[in-house]
Amino acid sequence: MPKLAANLTMLFNEVDFLARFGAAAQAGFRGVEFLFPYAFEANQIAEQLKLHQLELVLHNLPAGDWAAGERGIACHPNRVGEFQEGVARAIRYAQALGVKQLNCLAGIIPQGVSPDNAHKVLVENLKFAANQLKAVGIRLLIEPINTFDIPGFYLCHTRQATEMIKDTGSDNLFVQYDIYHMQRMEGDLANTIKAHLPLIKHVQLADNPGRFEPGTGEINYRFLFSFLDEIGYDGWIGCEYKPKGNTTDGLSWLDAHGV
């Protein structure tokens, strides 16, 4: 049986953010995740987690100016100091909230920066972040993202992510495997997950096309849930999809998929 975490950036957005914790718990979720906690004081989020007996399983490092379209700064040569300050800030939040793994968004390659230079900067930033997180018992993850939704995003394939991990030489860097993104970029989901399972420490889901609930598109989630159990994946699966309508009404997919 998969352990499902509600992504509060995407789900229950009919209510204000801090009210989404209670909505997730009422819907039966025991874990939650979201993009960023930084708009709130850590104690505000901690209170909601405690009140509703929820585990926060993941959030991201600071990723630049999200509202302006930035999607990470880890591959930006002129933002290294900002990236390192963001790592320290993320650690403070993670320790206050009991988070055991953080995700790093590589970012869109800046205009005028070569792919080779972006790669070099990203490797060094990941080395730094992985070492800082390891010192406090937190895993660092990297997430390949499809370039249809985010054109120019540097990290966009599973093999690219695993090679990046090798290039850093870190034993504290792993993959966040988003089924939706990798269906768009690669397909062959089951074989890819199985081949890289030792490095995959978090999985996210949405169907394709549309990034809606499982059962609305082409991905056979009933098969994938059973397959993940069969191959021994024991981590969380984050429900990072866009509800087609009301979040709670849309959760009928859970029963339909036997979870």
Protein backbone atom coordinates (compact mmCIF):
# COMPACT_ATOMS: atom_id res chain seq x y z
CA MET A 1 0.00 0.00 0.00
CA PRO A 2 1.64 3.32 -1.05
CA LYS A 3 2.21 6.08 1.50
CA LEU A 4 0.54 9.11 -0.06
CA ALA A 5 1.36 12.68 0.92
CA ALA A 6 -0.87 15.59 -0.06
CA ASN A 7 0.96 18.37 -1.86
CA LEU A 8 -0.52 21.43 -0.19
CA THR A 9 0.72 23.81 -2.88
CA MET A 10 -1.59 22.05 -5.33
CA LEU A 11 -4.33 20.39 -3.28
CA PHE A 12 -7.03 21.90 -1.08
CA ASN A 13 -6.36 25.32 -2.59
CA GLU A 14 -10.01 26.16 -2.06
CA VAL A 15 -8.87 27.30 1.42
CA ASP A 16 -6.01 29.38 2.78
CA PHE A 17 -2.67 27.60 3.07
CA LEU A 18 -2.64 27.03 6.82
CA ALA A 19 -6.16 25.56 6.65
CA ARG A 20 -5.00 22.97 4.11
CA PHE A 21 -3.29 20.89 6.79
CA GLY A 22 -6.60 20.19 8.49
CA ALA A 23 -8.29 19.50 5.16
CA ALA A 24 -5.57 16.98 4.25
CA ALA A 25 -5.87 15.21 7.60
CA GLN A 26 -9.66 15.08 7.33
CA ALA A 27 -9.29 13.49 3.88
CA GLY A 28 -7.15 10.73 5.39
CA PHE A 29 -3.63 11.86 4.50
CA ARG A 30 -0.95 11.27 7.12
CA GLY A 31 1.82 13.05 5.23
CA VAL A 32 2.05 16.40 3.46
CA GLU A 33 4.52 18.24 1.27
CA PHE A 34 4.64 21.63 -0.43
CA LEU A 35 6.97 23.76 -2.51
CA PHE A 36 8.13 26.30 0.08
CA PRO A 37 7.51 27.15 3.74
CA TYR A 38 9.27 30.51 3.70
CA ALA A 39 6.23 32.78 3.53
CA PHE A 40 5.34 31.63 7.05
CA GLU A 41 7.09 31.40 10.37
CA ALA A 42 8.23 27.85 11.05
CA ASN A 43 6.21 27.71 14.26
CA GLN A 44 2.97 28.44 12.35
CA ILE A 45 3.50 25.37 10.21
CA ALA A 46 4.74 23.28 13.13
CA GLU A 47 1.52 24.04 15.01
CA GLN A 48 -0.57 22.74 12.13
CA LEU A 49 1.52 19.58 11.79
CA LYS A 50 1.18 18.84 15.48
CA LEU A 51 -2.51 19.71 15.66
CA HIS A 52 -3.42 17.40 12.80
CA GLN A 53 -0.79 14.70 13.49
CA LEU A 54 0.81 15.07 10.08
CA GLU A 55 4.35 14.38 8.91
CA LEU A 56 5.98 16.93 6.62
CA VAL A 57 7.88 14.72 4.20
CA LEU A 58 9.45 17.26 1.85
CA HIS A 59 9.88 20.85 0.83
CA ASN A 60 12.26 22.66 -1.53
CA LEU A 61 15.31 24.81 -1.01
CA PRO A 62 14.65 28.48 -1.81
CA ALA A 63 14.39 28.78 -5.59
CA GLY A 64 14.74 32.46 -6.43
CA ASP A 65 11.85 34.74 -7.36
CA TRP A 66 9.08 32.20 -8.04
CA ALA A 67 6.45 34.84 -8.81
CA ALA A 68 8.73 36.28 -11.49
CA GLY A 69 9.14 32.89 -13.15
CA GLU A 70 12.38 31.68 -11.61
CA ARG A 71 12.41 27.93 -11.00
CA GLY A 72 15.61 27.49 -9.03
CA ILE A 73 19.01 29.17 -9.00
CA ALA A 74 21.35 26.22 -8.44
CA CYS A 75 22.75 26.41 -11.99
CA HIS A 76 23.16 30.21 -11.98
CA PRO A 77 26.83 31.24 -11.86
CA ASN A 78 26.16 34.68 -10.35
CA ARG A 79 23.85 33.43 -7.55
CA VAL A 80 26.14 31.08 -5.61
CA GLY A 81 26.14 33.18 -2.45
CA GLU A 82 22.35 33.44 -2.54
CA PHE A 83 22.11 29.68 -3.05
CA GLN A 84 24.31 28.98 -0.03
CA GLU A 85 22.29 31.35 2.13
CA GLY A 86 19.17 29.52 0.95
CA VAL A 87 20.61 26.19 2.05
CA ALA A 88 21.13 27.54 5.56
CA ARG A 89 17.59 28.93 5.63
CA ALA A 90 16.11 25.64 4.42
CA ILE A 91 17.99 23.72 7.11
CA ARG A 92 16.59 25.98 9.82
CA TYR A 93 13.05 25.32 8.61
CA ALA A 94 13.62 21.61 8.11
CA GLN A 95 14.96 21.17 11.63
CA ALA A 96 12.03 23.11 13.10
CA LEU A 97 9.52 21.05 11.09
CA GLY A 98 11.11 17.61 11.35
CA VAL A 99 11.77 17.31 7.62
CA LYS A 100 14.23 14.55 6.65
CA GLN A 101 14.73 15.43 2.99
CA LEU A 102 14.87 18.61 0.94
CA ASN A 103 14.60 19.03 -2.82
CA CYS A 104 16.83 21.29 -4.92
CA LEU A 105 15.40 22.73 -8.13
CA ALA A 106 18.24 23.13 -10.62
CA GLY A 107 16.68 26.07 -12.40
CA ILE A 108 16.40 27.44 -15.94
CA ILE A 109 19.75 28.05 -17.63
CA PRO A 110 20.28 31.83 -17.63
CA GLN A 111 20.68 33.60 -20.95
CA GLY A 112 24.32 33.69 -22.00
CA VAL A 113 25.36 30.77 -19.76
CA SER A 114 26.61 27.65 -21.55
CA PRO A 115 25.30 24.21 -20.58
CA ASP A 116 28.84 23.23 -19.54
CA ASN A 117 29.10 26.21 -17.20
CA ALA A 118 25.63 25.56 -15.79
CA HIS A 119 26.64 21.96 -15.14
CA LYS A 120 29.83 22.98 -13.35
CA VAL A 121 28.01 25.47 -11.11
CA LEU A 122 25.24 23.02 -10.33
CA VAL A 123 27.69 20.27 -9.37
CA GLU A 124 29.54 22.57 -6.97
CA ASN A 125 26.32 23.87 -5.44
CA LEU A 126 24.99 20.34 -4.97
CA LYS A 127 28.25 19.27 -3.31
CA PHE A 128 27.93 22.17 -0.90
CA ALA A 129 24.26 21.57 -0.13
CA ALA A 130 24.64 17.80 0.23
CA ASN A 131 27.48 18.24 2.70
CA GLN A 132 25.61 20.85 4.72
CA LEU A 133 22.49 18.68 4.89
CA LYS A 134 24.42 15.52 5.71
CA ALA A 135 25.90 17.22 8.77
CA VAL A 136 22.38 17.57 10.21
CA GLY A 137 20.95 14.25 9.01
CA ILE A 138 18.90 15.51 6.06
CA ARG A 139 18.93 14.06 2.53
CA LEU A 140 19.28 16.25 -0.54
CA LEU A 141 17.20 15.41 -3.61
CA ILE A 142 17.28 16.65 -7.20
CA GLU A 143 14.27 16.53 -9.51
CA PRO A 144 14.25 16.22 -13.30
CA ILE A 145 11.42 18.37 -14.71
CA ASN A 146 9.90 18.35 -18.18
CA THR A 147 10.86 21.12 -20.58
CA PHE A 148 7.38 21.38 -22.08
CA ASP A 149 6.07 22.94 -18.87
CA ILE A 150 9.31 24.75 -18.00
CA PRO A 151 11.32 25.49 -21.17
CA GLY A 152 15.04 25.72 -20.56
CA PHE A 153 15.01 23.84 -17.26
CA TYR A 154 18.48 22.36 -16.95
CA LEU A 155 17.79 18.99 -15.31
CA CYS A 156 15.22 17.11 -17.38
CA HIS A 157 16.10 13.39 -17.59
CA THR A 158 16.55 10.60 -15.05
CA ARG A 159 19.93 9.53 -16.40
CA GLN A 160 21.10 13.13 -16.32
CA ALA A 161 20.20 13.27 -12.63
CA THR A 162 22.01 10.02 -11.80
CA GLU A 163 25.09 11.19 -13.70
CA MET A 164 24.93 14.46 -11.79
CA ILE A 165 24.99 12.49 -8.55
CA LYS A 166 28.11 10.64 -9.73
CA ASP A 167 29.77 13.92 -10.71
CA THR A 168 29.30 15.32 -7.22
CA GLY A 169 30.75 12.22 -5.58
CA SER A 170 28.26 12.71 -2.75
CA ASP A 171 26.63 9.90 -0.80
CA ASN A 172 23.90 12.30 0.34
CA LEU A 173 22.35 13.19 -3.01
CA PHE A 174 19.35 11.31 -4.41
CA VAL A 175 16.55 11.55 -6.99
CA GLN A 176 13.04 12.85 -6.59
CA TYR A 177 11.22 11.00 -9.36
CA ASP A 178 8.14 12.80 -10.62
CA ILE A 179 6.07 10.35 -12.68
CA TYR A 180 4.26 13.10 -14.58
CA HIS A 181 7.43 14.94 -15.61
CA MET A 182 9.21 11.76 -16.65
CA GLN A 183 6.22 10.45 -18.59
CA ARG A 184 6.43 13.61 -20.68
CA MET A 185 10.21 13.42 -21.15
CA GLU A 186 10.93 9.68 -21.29
CA GLY A 187 8.08 7.26 -20.76
CA ASP A 188 9.15 3.69 -19.86
CA LEU A 189 8.28 4.53 -16.27
CA ALA A 190 8.39 1.11 -14.62
CA ASN A 191 11.74 0.04 -16.08
CA THR A 192 13.32 3.40 -15.31
CA ILE A 193 12.14 3.42 -11.70
CA LYS A 194 13.33 -0.15 -11.15
CA ALA A 195 16.74 0.54 -12.72
CA HIS A 196 17.37 3.55 -10.49
CA LEU A 197 15.47 2.49 -7.38
CA PRO A 198 18.47 2.72 -4.99
CA LEU A 199 18.77 6.43 -5.80
CA ILE A 200 15.04 7.26 -5.76
CA LYS A 201 14.01 8.49 -2.31
CA HIS A 202 10.81 10.33 -3.18
CA VAL A 203 8.16 9.93 -5.87
CA GLN A 204 5.51 12.37 -7.04
CA LEU A 205 2.45 11.79 -9.21
CA ALA A 206 0.01 13.40 -11.58
CA ASP A 207 -1.62 12.08 -14.74
CA ASN A 208 -0.88 13.16 -18.29
CA PRO A 209 -2.10 15.10 -20.21
CA GLY A 210 -3.18 17.98 -18.00
CA ARG A 211 -1.37 17.12 -14.75
CA PHE A 212 -4.69 16.16 -13.19
CA GLU A 213 -5.68 13.32 -10.83
CA PRO A 214 -4.69 9.71 -11.52
CA GLY A 215 -7.29 8.14 -13.75
CA THR A 216 -7.81 11.23 -15.89
CA GLY A 217 -5.13 10.42 -18.46
CA GLU A 218 -2.83 7.85 -20.00
CA ILE A 219 -0.75 6.67 -17.02
CA ASN A 220 -1.73 3.31 -15.51
CA TYR A 221 -1.47 4.21 -11.84
CA ARG A 222 -3.18 1.06 -10.61
CA PHE A 223 -0.30 -0.89 -12.17
CA LEU A 224 2.38 1.52 -10.95
CA PHE A 225 1.21 1.42 -7.32
CA SER A 226 1.40 -2.38 -7.32
CA PHE A 227 4.73 -2.27 -9.15
CA LEU A 228 6.28 0.11 -6.61
CA ASP A 229 5.23 -2.25 -3.81
CA GLU A 230 6.59 -5.23 -5.74
CA ILE A 231 10.06 -3.75 -6.25
CA GLY A 232 10.30 -2.59 -2.64
CA TYR A 233 9.86 1.18 -2.83
CA ASP A 234 8.98 2.19 0.72
CA GLY A 235 9.09 5.98 0.52
CA TRP A 236 6.35 8.56 0.23
CA ILE A 237 4.47 9.38 -2.95
CA GLY A 238 3.56 13.04 -3.16
CA CYS A 239 0.23 13.86 -4.81
CA GLU A 240 1.37 16.90 -6.79
CA TYR A 241 -1.46 17.27 -9.27
CA LYS A 242 -3.92 19.97 -10.28
CA PRO A 243 -7.44 18.97 -9.21
CA LYS A 244 -9.82 19.17 -12.14
CA GLY A 245 -12.48 20.49 -9.78
CA ASN A 246 -12.93 20.53 -6.03
CA THR A 247 -10.01 18.73 -4.36
CA THR A 248 -12.12 16.64 -2.00
CA ASP A 249 -14.55 15.52 -4.70
CA GLY A 250 -11.62 14.56 -6.89
CA LEU A 251 -10.19 12.21 -4.24
CA SER A 252 -12.50 9.48 -5.49
CA TRP A 253 -9.46 8.36 -7.49
CA LEU A 254 -8.06 6.84 -4.30
CA ASP A 255 -10.80 4.21 -4.02
CA ALA A 256 -10.78 3.68 -7.77
CA HIS A 257 -7.08 2.76 -7.59
CA GLY A 258 -7.31 0.66 -4.44
CA VAL A 259 -5.30 3.02 -2.22
